[in-house]
PDB file of N, CA and C in Angstrom:
ATOM      1  N   UNK A   1      31.830  68.607 121.919  1.00  0.00           N
ATOM      2  CA  UNK A   1      32.997  69.147 121.250  1.00  0.00           C
ATOM      3  C   UNK A   1      33.947  69.722 122.304  1.00  0.00           C
ATOM      4  N   UNK A   2      35.194  69.376 122.249  1.00  0.00           N
ATOM      5  CA  UNK A   2      36.187  69.818 123.207  1.00  0.00           C
ATOM      6  C   UNK A   2      36.962  70.998 122.646  1.00  0.00           C
ATOM      7  N   UNK A   3      37.130  72.006 123.479  1.00  0.00           N
ATOM      8  CA  UNK A   3      37.913  73.173 123.085  1.00  0.00           C
ATOM      9  C   UNK A   3      39.383  72.856 123.306  1.00  0.00           C
ATOM     10  N   UNK A   4      40.171  72.839 122.243  1.00  0.00           N
ATOM     11  CA  UNK A   4      41.582  72.490 122.352  1.00  0.00           C
ATOM     12  C   UNK A   4      42.473  73.716 122.530  1.00  0.00           C
ATOM     13  N   UNK A   5      41.883  74.914 122.561  1.00  0.00           N
ATOM     14  CA  UNK A   5      42.659  76.127 122.743  1.00  0.00           C
ATOM     15  C   UNK A   5      43.174  76.183 124.176  1.00  0.00           C
ATOM     16  N   UNK A   6      44.467  76.387 124.342  1.00  0.00           N
ATOM     17  CA  UNK A   6      45.078  76.450 125.658  1.00  0.00           C
ATOM     18  C   UNK A   6      44.872  77.836 126.252  1.00  0.00           C
ATOM     19  N   UNK A   7      44.065  77.929 127.308  1.00  0.00           N
ATOM     20  CA  UNK A   7      43.771  79.224 127.925  1.00  0.00           C
ATOM     21  C   UNK A   7      44.653  79.514 129.124  1.00  0.00           C
ATOM     22  N   UNK A   8      45.555  78.637 129.486  1.00  0.00           N
ATOM     23  CA  UNK A   8      46.358  78.866 130.682  1.00  0.00           C
ATOM     24  C   UNK A   8      47.301  80.049 130.534  1.00  0.00           C
ATOM     25  N   UNK A   9      47.630  80.448 129.317  1.00  0.00           N
ATOM     26  CA  UNK A   9      48.532  81.584 129.121  1.00  0.00           C
ATOM     27  C   UNK A   9      47.930  82.850 129.721  1.00  0.00           C
ATOM     28  N   UNK A  10      46.614  83.037 129.615  1.00  0.00           N
ATOM     29  CA  UNK A  10      45.971  84.251 130.088  1.00  0.00           C
ATOM     30  C   UNK A  10      45.389  84.125 131.480  1.00  0.00           C
ATOM     31  N   UNK A  11      45.606  83.028 132.157  1.00  0.00           N
ATOM     32  CA  UNK A  11      45.068  82.858 133.489  1.00  0.00           C
ATOM     33  C   UNK A  11      46.084  83.283 134.524  1.00  0.00           C
ATOM     34  N   UNK A  12      45.589  83.905 135.571  1.00  0.00           N
ATOM     35  CA  UNK A  12      46.437  84.315 136.684  1.00  0.00           C
ATOM     36  C   UNK A  12      45.835  83.741 137.957  1.00  0.00           C
ATOM     37  N   UNK A  13      46.638  83.669 138.998  1.00  0.00           N
ATOM     38  CA  UNK A  13      46.159  83.115 140.251  1.00  0.00           C
ATOM     39  C   UNK A  13      45.173  84.045 140.941  1.00  0.00           C
ATOM     40  N   UNK A  14      45.205  85.324 140.621  1.00  0.00           N
ATOM     41  CA  UNK A  14      44.295  86.313 141.196  1.00  0.00           C
ATOM     42  C   UNK A  14      43.944  87.340 140.128  1.00  0.00           C
ATOM     43  N   UNK A  15      43.034  88.236 140.487  1.00  0.00           N
ATOM     44  CA  UNK A  15      42.664  89.311 139.574  1.00  0.00           C
ATOM     45  C   UNK A  15      43.856  90.215 139.300  1.00  0.00           C
ATOM     46  N   UNK A  16      43.822  90.849 138.147  1.00  0.00           N
ATOM     47  CA  UNK A  16      44.856  91.811 137.758  1.00  0.00           C
ATOM     48  C   UNK A  16      44.365  93.213 138.060  1.00  0.00           C
ATOM     49  N   UNK A  17      45.318  94.093 138.293  1.00  0.00           N
ATOM     50  CA  UNK A  17      44.993  95.517 138.348  1.00  0.00           C
ATOM     51  C   UNK A  17      45.770  96.197 137.226  1.00  0.00           C
ATOM     52  N   UNK A  18      45.105  97.109 136.555  1.00  0.00           N
ATOM     53  CA  UNK A  18      45.773  97.880 135.503  1.00  0.00           C
ATOM     54  C   UNK A  18      46.692  98.888 136.164  1.00  0.00           C
ATOM     55  N   UNK A  19      47.850  99.072 135.553  1.00  0.00           N
ATOM     56  CA  UNK A  19      48.850  99.957 136.140  1.00  0.00           C
ATOM     57  C   UNK A  19      49.762 100.451 135.017  1.00  0.00           C
ATOM     58  N   UNK A  20      50.282 101.627 135.179  1.00  0.00           N
ATOM     59  CA  UNK A  20      51.217 102.182 134.207  1.00  0.00           C
ATOM     60  C   UNK A  20      52.441 102.634 134.986  1.00  0.00           C
ATOM     61  N   UNK A  21      53.395 101.726 135.167  1.00  0.00           N
ATOM     62  CA  UNK A  21      54.590 101.995 135.956  1.00  0.00           C
ATOM     63  C   UNK A  21      55.815 101.495 135.213  1.00  0.00           C
ATOM     64  N   UNK A  22      56.950 102.168 135.372  1.00  0.00           N
ATOM     65  CA  UNK A  22      58.182 101.661 134.751  1.00  0.00           C
ATOM     66  C   UNK A  22      58.665 100.400 135.462  1.00  0.00           C
ATOM     67  N   UNK A  23      59.283  99.528 134.707  1.00  0.00           N
ATOM     68  CA  UNK A  23      59.882  98.315 135.262  1.00  0.00           C
ATOM     69  C   UNK A  23      61.225  98.099 134.565  1.00  0.00           C
ATOM     70  N   UNK A  24      62.208  97.714 135.343  1.00  0.00           N
ATOM     71  CA  UNK A  24      63.519  97.371 134.800  1.00  0.00           C
ATOM     72  C   UNK A  24      63.643  95.851 134.830  1.00  0.00           C
ATOM     73  N   UNK A  25      64.102  95.280 133.730  1.00  0.00           N
ATOM     74  CA  UNK A  25      64.248  93.836 133.648  1.00  0.00           C
ATOM     75  C   UNK A  25      65.697  93.501 133.307  1.00  0.00           C
ATOM     76  N   UNK A  26      66.125  92.339 133.741  1.00  0.00           N
ATOM     77  CA  UNK A  26      67.467  91.847 133.433  1.00  0.00           C
ATOM     78  C   UNK A  26      67.304  90.395 132.991  1.00  0.00           C
ATOM     79  N   UNK A  27      67.676  90.114 131.751  1.00  0.00           N
ATOM     80  CA  UNK A  27      67.583  88.760 131.201  1.00  0.00           C
ATOM     81  C   UNK A  27      68.887  88.435 130.493  1.00  0.00           C
ATOM     82  N   UNK A  28      69.526  87.370 130.903  1.00  0.00           N
ATOM     83  CA  UNK A  28      70.793  86.940 130.284  1.00  0.00           C
ATOM     84  C   UNK A  28      71.781  88.108 130.188  1.00  0.00           C
ATOM     85  N   UNK A  29      71.962  88.816 131.297  1.00  0.00           N
ATOM     86  CA  UNK A  29      72.891  89.945 131.405  1.00  0.00           C
ATOM     87  C   UNK A  29      72.523  91.125 130.502  1.00  0.00           C
ATOM     88  N   UNK A  30      71.312  91.129 129.977  1.00  0.00           N
ATOM     89  CA  UNK A  30      70.845  92.220 129.121  1.00  0.00           C
ATOM     90  C   UNK A  30      69.815  93.045 129.887  1.00  0.00           C
ATOM     91  N   UNK A  31      70.116  94.317 130.195  1.00  0.00           N
ATOM     92  CA  UNK A  31      69.131  95.162 130.863  1.00  0.00           C
ATOM     93  C   UNK A  31      68.083  95.661 129.868  1.00  0.00           C
ATOM     94  N   UNK A  32      66.825  95.675 130.300  1.00  0.00           N
ATOM     95  CA  UNK A  32      65.728  96.146 129.463  1.00  0.00           C
ATOM     96  C   UNK A  32      64.821  97.050 130.283  1.00  0.00           C
ATOM     97  N   UNK A  33      64.331  98.100 129.678  1.00  0.00           N
ATOM     98  CA  UNK A  33      63.333  98.962 130.301  1.00  0.00           C
ATOM     99  C   UNK A  33      61.990  98.647 129.668  1.00  0.00           C
ATOM    100  N   UNK A  34      60.955  98.622 130.489  1.00  0.00           N
ATOM    101  CA  UNK A  34      59.623  98.294 129.996  1.00  0.00           C
ATOM    102  C   UNK A  34      58.585  99.088 130.781  1.00  0.00           C
ATOM    103  N   UNK A  35      57.338  98.954 130.359  1.00  0.00           N
ATOM    104  CA  UNK A  35      56.220  99.571 131.056  1.00  0.00           C
ATOM    105  C   UNK A  35      55.310  98.463 131.555  1.00  0.00           C
ATOM    106  N   UNK A  36      55.026  98.455 132.847  1.00  0.00           N
ATOM    107  CA  UNK A  36      54.107  97.477 133.422  1.00  0.00           C
ATOM    108  C   UNK A  36      52.683  97.917 133.093  1.00  0.00           C
ATOM    109  N   UNK A  37      51.910  96.999 132.509  1.00  0.00           N
ATOM    110  CA  UNK A  37      50.522  97.296 132.133  1.00  0.00           C
ATOM    111  C   UNK A  37      49.517  96.764 133.139  1.00  0.00           C
ATOM    112  N   UNK A  38      49.843  95.611 133.739  1.00  0.00           N
ATOM    113  CA  UNK A  38      48.962  95.054 134.760  1.00  0.00           C
ATOM    114  C   UNK A  38      49.786  94.206 135.713  1.00  0.00           C
ATOM    115  N   UNK A  39      49.184  93.938 136.881  1.00  0.00           N
ATOM    116  CA  UNK A  39      49.885  93.243 137.947  1.00  0.00           C
ATOM    117  C   UNK A  39      48.912  92.369 138.713  1.00  0.00           C
ATOM    118  N   UNK A  40      49.347  91.183 139.079  1.00  0.00           N
ATOM    119  CA  UNK A  40      48.622  90.331 140.019  1.00  0.00           C
ATOM    120  C   UNK A  40      49.651  89.809 141.007  1.00  0.00           C
ATOM    121  N   UNK A  41      49.211  89.063 141.988  1.00  0.00           N
ATOM    122  CA  UNK A  41      50.158  88.566 142.986  1.00  0.00           C
ATOM    123  C   UNK A  41      51.046  87.454 142.443  1.00  0.00           C
ATOM    124  N   UNK A  42      50.779  87.000 141.236  1.00  0.00           N
ATOM    125  CA  UNK A  42      51.629  85.932 140.683  1.00  0.00           C
ATOM    126  C   UNK A  42      52.271  86.296 139.350  1.00  0.00           C
ATOM    127  N   UNK A  43      52.060  87.523 138.860  1.00  0.00           N
ATOM    128  CA  UNK A  43      52.687  87.876 137.600  1.00  0.00           C
ATOM    129  C   UNK A  43      52.328  89.274 137.142  1.00  0.00           C
ATOM    130  N   UNK A  44      52.811  89.621 135.942  1.00  0.00           N
ATOM    131  CA  UNK A  44      52.574  90.946 135.385  1.00  0.00           C
ATOM    132  C   UNK A  44      52.564  90.896 133.867  1.00  0.00           C
ATOM    133  N   UNK A  45      51.956  91.904 133.287  1.00  0.00           N
ATOM    134  CA  UNK A  45      52.035  92.132 131.853  1.00  0.00           C
ATOM    135  C   UNK A  45      52.877  93.364 131.615  1.00  0.00           C
ATOM    136  N   UNK A  46      53.811  93.294 130.671  1.00  0.00           N
ATOM    137  CA  UNK A  46      54.677  94.432 130.375  1.00  0.00           C
ATOM    138  C   UNK A  46      54.708  94.690 128.876  1.00  0.00           C
ATOM    139  N   UNK A  47      55.015  95.912 128.521  1.00  0.00           N
ATOM    140  CA  UNK A  47      55.207  96.323 127.138  1.00  0.00           C
ATOM    141  C   UNK A  47      56.663  96.744 127.014  1.00  0.00           C
ATOM    142  N   UNK A  48      57.379  96.138 126.059  1.00  0.00           N
ATOM    143  CA  UNK A  48      58.822  96.305 125.967  1.00  0.00           C
ATOM    144  C   UNK A  48      59.245  96.481 124.505  1.00  0.00           C
ATOM    145  N   UNK A  49      60.282  97.268 124.232  1.00  0.00           N
ATOM    146  CA  UNK A  49      60.752  97.423 122.856  1.00  0.00           C
ATOM    147  C   UNK A  49      61.492  96.196 122.323  1.00  0.00           C
ATOM    148  N   UNK A  50      61.913  95.288 123.201  1.00  0.00           N
ATOM    149  CA  UNK A  50      62.618  94.072 122.781  1.00  0.00           C
ATOM    150  C   UNK A  50      61.837  92.841 123.204  1.00  0.00           C
ATOM    151  N   UNK A  51      61.918  91.799 122.397  1.00  0.00           N
ATOM    152  CA  UNK A  51      61.198  90.551 122.702  1.00  0.00           C
ATOM    153  C   UNK A  51      62.091  89.605 123.487  1.00  0.00           C
ATOM    154  N   UNK A  52      61.478  88.883 124.402  1.00  0.00           N
ATOM    155  CA  UNK A  52      62.137  87.777 125.091  1.00  0.00           C
ATOM    156  C   UNK A  52      61.311  86.528 124.822  1.00  0.00           C
ATOM    157  N   UNK A  53      61.955  85.392 124.628  1.00  0.00           N
ATOM    158  CA  UNK A  53      61.198  84.179 124.316  1.00  0.00           C
ATOM    159  C   UNK A  53      60.511  83.591 125.551  1.00  0.00           C
ATOM    160  N   UNK A  54      59.428  82.890 125.316  1.00  0.00           N
ATOM    161  CA  UNK A  54      58.760  82.156 126.399  1.00  0.00           C
ATOM    162  C   UNK A  54      59.767  81.206 127.029  1.00  0.00           C
ATOM    163  N   UNK A  55      59.748  81.133 128.343  1.00  0.00           N
ATOM    164  CA  UNK A  55      60.678  80.291 129.073  1.00  0.00           C
ATOM    165  C   UNK A  55      61.918  81.020 129.550  1.00  0.00           C
ATOM    166  N   UNK A  56      62.138  82.257 129.083  1.00  0.00           N
ATOM    167  CA  UNK A  56      63.307  83.038 129.487  1.00  0.00           C
ATOM    168  C   UNK A  56      63.188  83.451 130.952  1.00  0.00           C
ATOM    169  N   UNK A  57      64.183  83.142 131.743  1.00  0.00           N
ATOM    170  CA  UNK A  57      64.239  83.598 133.132  1.00  0.00           C
ATOM    171  C   UNK A  57      64.716  85.037 133.158  1.00  0.00           C
ATOM    172  N   UNK A  58      64.234  85.810 134.127  1.00  0.00           N
ATOM    173  CA  UNK A  58      64.625  87.198 134.231  1.00  0.00           C
ATOM    174  C   UNK A  58      64.359  87.707 135.629  1.00  0.00           C
ATOM    175  N   UNK A  59      64.942  88.848 135.939  1.00  0.00           N
ATOM    176  CA  UNK A  59      64.592  89.555 137.174  1.00  0.00           C
ATOM    177  C   UNK A  59      63.850  90.818 136.769  1.00  0.00           C
ATOM    178  N   UNK A  60      62.890  91.199 137.583  1.00  0.00           N
ATOM    179  CA  UNK A  60      62.112  92.411 137.332  1.00  0.00           C
ATOM    180  C   UNK A  60      62.195  93.289 138.579  1.00  0.00           C
ATOM    181  N   UNK A  61      62.444  94.570 138.366  1.00  0.00           N
ATOM    182  CA  UNK A  61      62.533  95.537 139.463  1.00  0.00           C
ATOM    183  C   UNK A  61      61.559  96.670 139.189  1.00  0.00           C
ATOM    184  N   UNK A  62      60.769  96.995 140.198  1.00  0.00           N
ATOM    185  CA  UNK A  62      59.775  98.057 140.085  1.00  0.00           C
ATOM    186  C   UNK A  62      59.410  98.516 141.484  1.00  0.00           C
ATOM    187  N   UNK A  63      58.654  99.586 141.576  1.00  0.00           N
ATOM    188  CA  UNK A  63      58.184 100.043 142.884  1.00  0.00           C
ATOM    189  C   UNK A  63      56.680 100.242 142.825  1.00  0.00           C
ATOM    190  N   UNK A  64      56.064 100.079 143.981  1.00  0.00           N
ATOM    191  CA  UNK A  64      54.623 100.250 144.099  1.00  0.00           C
ATOM    192  C   UNK A  64      54.322 101.285 145.172  1.00  0.00           C
ATOM    193  N   UNK A  65      53.409 102.209 144.888  1.00  0.00           N
ATOM    194  CA  UNK A  65      53.065 103.223 145.883  1.00  0.00           C
ATOM    195  C   UNK A  65      52.025 102.703 146.873  1.00  0.00           C
ATOM    196  N   UNK A  66      52.020 103.305 148.058  1.00  0.00           N
ATOM    197  CA  UNK A  66      50.898 103.149 148.973  1.00  0.00           C
ATOM    198  C   UNK A  66      50.565 104.540 149.491  1.00  0.00           C
ATOM    199  N   UNK A  67      49.941 104.639 150.611  1.00  0.00           N
ATOM    200  CA  UNK A  67      49.499 105.943 151.109  1.00  0.00           C
ATOM    201  C   UNK A  67      50.635 106.934 151.327  1.00  0.00           C
ATOM    202  N   UNK A  68      51.781 106.450 151.799  1.00  0.00           N
ATOM    203  CA  UNK A  68      52.821 107.378 152.208  1.00  0.00           C
ATOM    204  C   UNK A  68      54.169 107.209 151.513  1.00  0.00           C
ATOM    205  N   UNK A  69      54.404 106.080 150.845  1.00  0.00           N
ATOM    206  CA  UNK A  69      55.732 105.847 150.305  1.00  0.00           C
ATOM    207  C   UNK A  69      55.715 104.880 149.126  1.00  0.00           C
ATOM    208  N   UNK A  70      56.874 104.749 148.510  1.00  0.00           N
ATOM    209  CA  UNK A  70      57.078 103.778 147.437  1.00  0.00           C
ATOM    210  C   UNK A  70      57.763 102.545 148.030  1.00  0.00           C
ATOM    211  N   UNK A  71      57.388 101.370 147.536  1.00  0.00           N
ATOM    212  CA  UNK A  71      57.996 100.128 147.984  1.00  0.00           C
ATOM    213  C   UNK A  71      58.727  99.483 146.805  1.00  0.00           C
ATOM    214  N   UNK A  72      60.067  99.491 146.806  1.00  0.00           N
ATOM    215  CA  UNK A  72      60.807  98.844 145.719  1.00  0.00           C
ATOM    216  C   UNK A  72      60.754  97.320 145.843  1.00  0.00           C
ATOM    217  N   UNK A  73      60.631  96.651 144.715  1.00  0.00           N
ATOM    218  CA  UNK A  73      60.600  95.192 144.671  1.00  0.00           C
ATOM    219  C   UNK A  73      61.539  94.698 143.583  1.00  0.00           C
ATOM    220  N   UNK A  74      62.174  93.574 143.826  1.00  0.00           N
ATOM    221  CA  UNK A  74      62.964  92.890 142.811  1.00  0.00           C
ATOM    222  C   UNK A  74      62.595  91.415 142.885  1.00  0.00           C
ATOM    223  N   UNK A  75      61.983  90.906 141.822  1.00  0.00           N
ATOM    224  CA  UNK A  75      61.465  89.531 141.800  1.00  0.00           C
ATOM    225  C   UNK A  75      62.062  88.751 140.645  1.00  0.00           C
ATOM    226  N   UNK A  76      62.150  87.459 140.829  1.00  0.00           N
ATOM    227  CA  UNK A  76      62.578  86.556 139.762  1.00  0.00           C
ATOM    228  C   UNK A  76      61.333  86.053 139.047  1.00  0.00           C
ATOM    229  N   UNK A  77      61.410  85.945 137.731  1.00  0.00           N
ATOM    230  CA  UNK A  77      60.250  85.506 136.972  1.00  0.00           C
ATOM    231  C   UNK A  77      60.644  84.770 135.714  1.00  0.00           C
ATOM    232  N   UNK A  78      59.622  84.457 134.946  1.00  0.00           N
ATOM    233  CA  UNK A  78      59.803  83.747 133.681  1.00  0.00           C
ATOM    234  C   UNK A  78      58.786  84.260 132.682  1.00  0.00           C
ATOM    235  N   UNK A  79      59.222  84.494 131.465  1.00  0.00           N
ATOM    236  CA  UNK A  79      58.319  84.919 130.390  1.00  0.00           C
ATOM    237  C   UNK A  79      57.436  83.733 130.008  1.00  0.00           C
ATOM    238  N   UNK A  80      56.116  83.943 129.985  1.00  0.00           N
ATOM    239  CA  UNK A  80      55.206  82.868 129.582  1.00  0.00           C
ATOM    240  C   UNK A  80      54.656  83.070 128.184  1.00  0.00           C
ATOM    241  N   UNK A  81      54.656  84.316 127.710  1.00  0.00           N
ATOM    242  CA  UNK A  81      54.263  84.561 126.314  1.00  0.00           C
ATOM    243  C   UNK A  81      54.774  85.916 125.870  1.00  0.00           C
ATOM    244  N   UNK A  82      54.980  86.044 124.574  1.00  0.00           N
ATOM    245  CA  UNK A  82      55.383  87.307 123.955  1.00  0.00           C
ATOM    246  C   UNK A  82      54.558  87.488 122.691  1.00  0.00           C
ATOM    247  N   UNK A  83      53.957  88.668 122.549  1.00  0.00           N
ATOM    248  CA  UNK A  83      53.141  88.984 121.381  1.00  0.00           C
ATOM    249  C   UNK A  83      53.582  90.328 120.832  1.00  0.00           C
ATOM    250  N   UNK A  84      53.881  90.369 119.534  1.00  0.00           N
ATOM    251  CA  UNK A  84      54.269  91.644 118.914  1.00  0.00           C
ATOM    252  C   UNK A  84      53.017  92.485 118.721  1.00  0.00           C
ATOM    253  N   UNK A  85      53.096  93.747 119.117  1.00  0.00           N
ATOM    254  CA  UNK A  85      52.007  94.681 118.913  1.00  0.00           C
ATOM    255  C   UNK A  85      52.606  95.978 118.381  1.00  0.00           C
ATOM    256  N   UNK A  86      52.400  96.255 117.132  1.00  0.00           N
ATOM    257  CA  UNK A  86      53.019  97.367 116.407  1.00  0.00           C
ATOM    258  C   UNK A  86      54.538  97.245 116.527  1.00  0.00           C
ATOM    259  N   UNK A  87      55.213  98.218 117.137  1.00  0.00           N
ATOM    260  CA  UNK A  87      56.675  98.168 117.242  1.00  0.00           C
ATOM    261  C   UNK A  87      57.157  97.716 118.609  1.00  0.00           C
ATOM    262  N   UNK A  88      56.249  97.236 119.451  1.00  0.00           N
ATOM    263  CA  UNK A  88      56.587  96.806 120.802  1.00  0.00           C
ATOM    264  C   UNK A  88      56.177  95.353 121.006  1.00  0.00           C
ATOM    265  N   UNK A  89      56.529  94.823 122.181  1.00  0.00           N
ATOM    266  CA  UNK A  89      56.208  93.434 122.510  1.00  0.00           C
ATOM    267  C   UNK A  89      55.475  93.383 123.851  1.00  0.00           C
ATOM    268  N   UNK A  90      54.326  92.759 123.839  1.00  0.00           N
ATOM    269  CA  UNK A  90      53.554  92.525 125.050  1.00  0.00           C
ATOM    270  C   UNK A  90      53.999  91.184 125.616  1.00  0.00           C
ATOM    271  N   UNK A  91      54.470  91.184 126.855  1.00  0.00           N
ATOM    272  CA  UNK A  91      54.962  89.952 127.467  1.00  0.00           C
ATOM    273  C   UNK A  91      54.235  89.677 128.769  1.00  0.00           C
ATOM    274  N   UNK A  92      53.901  88.427 128.979  1.00  0.00           N
ATOM    275  CA  UNK A  92      53.367  87.974 130.247  1.00  0.00           C
ATOM    276  C   UNK A  92      54.490  87.346 131.039  1.00  0.00           C
ATOM    277  N   UNK A  93      54.626  87.753 132.280  1.00  0.00           N
ATOM    278  CA  UNK A  93      55.689  87.251 133.150  1.00  0.00           C
ATOM    279  C   UNK A  93      55.061  86.667 134.400  1.00  0.00           C
ATOM    280  N   UNK A  94      55.459  85.459 134.751  1.00  0.00           N
ATOM    281  CA  UNK A  94      55.000  84.836 135.987  1.00  0.00           C
ATOM    282  C   UNK A  94      56.133  84.928 136.999  1.00  0.00           C
ATOM    283  N   UNK A  95      55.802  85.272 138.249  1.00  0.00           N
ATOM    284  CA  UNK A  95      56.809  85.330 139.298  1.00  0.00           C
ATOM    285  C   UNK A  95      57.101  83.910 139.764  1.00  0.00           C
ATOM    286  N   UNK A  96      58.387  83.573 139.878  1.00  0.00           N
ATOM    287  CA  UNK A  96      58.771  82.231 140.308  1.00  0.00           C
ATOM    288  C   UNK A  96      58.602  82.036 141.799  1.00  0.00           C
ATOM    289  N   UNK A  97      59.027  82.999 142.552  1.00  0.00           N
ATOM    290  CA  UNK A  97      58.894  82.925 144.009  1.00  0.00           C
ATOM    291  C   UNK A  97      59.005  84.324 144.572  1.00  0.00           C
ATOM    292  N   UNK A  98      58.443  84.509 145.754  1.00  0.00           N
ATOM    293  CA  UNK A  98      58.577  85.787 146.426  1.00  0.00           C
ATOM    294  C   UNK A  98      58.492  85.558 147.921  1.00  0.00           C
ATOM    295  N   UNK A  99      59.046  86.480 148.658  1.00  0.00           N
ATOM    296  CA  UNK A  99      58.984  86.392 150.107  1.00  0.00           C
ATOM    297  C   UNK A  99      57.585  86.783 150.569  1.00  0.00           C
ATOM    298  N   UNK A 100      57.287  86.472 151.815  1.00  0.00           N
ATOM    299  CA  UNK A 100      56.000  86.869 152.382  1.00  0.00           C
ATOM    300  C   UNK A 100      55.881  88.394 152.385  1.00  0.00           C
ATOM    301  N   UNK A 101      56.985  89.082 152.633  1.00  0.00           N
ATOM    302  CA  UNK A 101      56.966  90.551 152.644  1.00  0.00           C
ATOM    303  C   UNK A 101      56.657  91.109 151.252  1.00  0.00           C
ATOM    304  N   UNK A 102      57.268  90.542 150.208  1.00  0.00           N
ATOM    305  CA  UNK A 102      56.991  90.990 148.844  1.00  0.00           C
ATOM    306  C   UNK A 102      55.527  90.741 148.477  1.00  0.00           C
ATOM    307  N   UNK A 103      55.001  89.584 148.858  1.00  0.00           N
ATOM    308  CA  UNK A 103      53.589  89.272 148.589  1.00  0.00           C
ATOM    309  C   UNK A 103      52.679  90.260 149.311  1.00  0.00           C
ATOM    310  N   UNK A 104      53.034  90.619 150.539  1.00  0.00           N
ATOM    311  CA  UNK A 104      52.255  91.576 151.315  1.00  0.00           C
ATOM    312  C   UNK A 104      52.237  92.947 150.642  1.00  0.00           C
ATOM    313  N   UNK A 105      53.373  93.380 150.104  1.00  0.00           N
ATOM    314  CA  UNK A 105      53.437  94.669 149.403  1.00  0.00           C
ATOM    315  C   UNK A 105      52.529  94.655 148.180  1.00  0.00           C
ATOM    316  N   UNK A 106      52.577  93.580 147.394  1.00  0.00           N
ATOM    317  CA  UNK A 106      51.743  93.505 146.185  1.00  0.00           C
ATOM    318  C   UNK A 106      50.265  93.458 146.561  1.00  0.00           C
ATOM    319  N   UNK A 107      49.907  92.630 147.520  1.00  0.00           N
ATOM    320  CA  UNK A 107      48.494  92.560 147.934  1.00  0.00           C
ATOM    321  C   UNK A 107      48.027  93.879 148.536  1.00  0.00           C
ATOM    322  N   UNK A 108      48.906  94.545 149.296  1.00  0.00           N
ATOM    323  CA  UNK A 108      48.564  95.848 149.854  1.00  0.00           C
ATOM    324  C   UNK A 108      48.317  96.869 148.761  1.00  0.00           C
ATOM    325  N   UNK A 109      49.161  96.867 147.726  1.00  0.00           N
ATOM    326  CA  UNK A 109      48.966  97.776 146.604  1.00  0.00           C
ATOM    327  C   UNK A 109      47.646  97.479 145.897  1.00  0.00           C
ATOM    328  N   UNK A 110      47.345  96.204 145.698  1.00  0.00           N
ATOM    329  CA  UNK A 110      46.103  95.853 145.002  1.00  0.00           C
ATOM    330  C   UNK A 110      44.883  96.321 145.807  1.00  0.00           C
ATOM    331  N   UNK A 111      44.924  96.166 147.126  1.00  0.00           N
ATOM    332  CA  UNK A 111      43.842  96.657 147.963  1.00  0.00           C
ATOM    333  C   UNK A 111      43.736  98.163 147.911  1.00  0.00           C
ATOM    334  N   UNK A 112      44.871  98.858 147.960  1.00  0.00           N
ATOM    335  CA  UNK A 112      44.928 100.315 147.862  1.00  0.00           C
ATOM    336  C   UNK A 112      44.338 100.769 146.521  1.00  0.00           C
ATOM    337  N   UNK A 113      44.721 100.082 145.453  1.00  0.00           N
ATOM    338  CA  UNK A 113      44.253 100.383 144.100  1.00  0.00           C
ATOM    339  C   UNK A 113      42.730 100.234 144.014  1.00  0.00           C
ATOM    340  N   UNK A 114      42.195  99.156 144.589  1.00  0.00           N
ATOM    341  CA  UNK A 114      40.746  98.913 144.549  1.00  0.00           C
ATOM    342  C   UNK A 114      39.987  99.933 145.398  1.00  0.00           C
ATOM    343  N   UNK A 115      40.544 100.312 146.556  1.00  0.00           N
ATOM    344  CA  UNK A 115      39.869 101.300 147.421  1.00  0.00           C
ATOM    345  C   UNK A 115      39.761 102.654 146.737  1.00  0.00           C
ATOM    346  N   UNK A 116      40.762 102.994 145.927  1.00  0.00           N
ATOM    347  CA  UNK A 116      40.734 104.267 145.218  1.00  0.00           C
ATOM    348  C   UNK A 116      39.838 104.232 143.991  1.00  0.00           C
ATOM    349  N   UNK A 117      39.382 103.030 143.643  1.00  0.00           N
ATOM    350  CA  UNK A 117      38.529 102.895 142.468  1.00  0.00           C
ATOM    351  C   UNK A 117      39.264 103.094 141.185  1.00  0.00           C
ATOM    352  N   UNK A 118      40.572 102.858 141.220  1.00  0.00           N
ATOM    353  CA  UNK A 118      41.405 103.056 140.030  1.00  0.00           C
ATOM    354  C   UNK A 118      41.221 101.946 139.031  1.00  0.00           C
TER     355      UNK A 118
END
């Protein structure tokens, strides 16, 4: 028996880390504020008061802490799924591309997060 359920929506290129950080998004000239729930080197999960459709391109801006400072990031992404949960929307966003420096910041944060046992 073959499982026809598409599981690629919930797959990420790497492990996720849980996080509770503000994120600013811009989609079709519409600014949105959201809360980042998890992060991986290829995407994030956010909780937002407004829904965006799958396939919507957007920019996401957020900062990540390390030992001594905050690192601001602005990445281009695409919504891969949106699910209504009570009065908010849970959205999965995949990053389209990032510089080596941006990837280093995210991987550094993930390592920092794991070392702290968070």
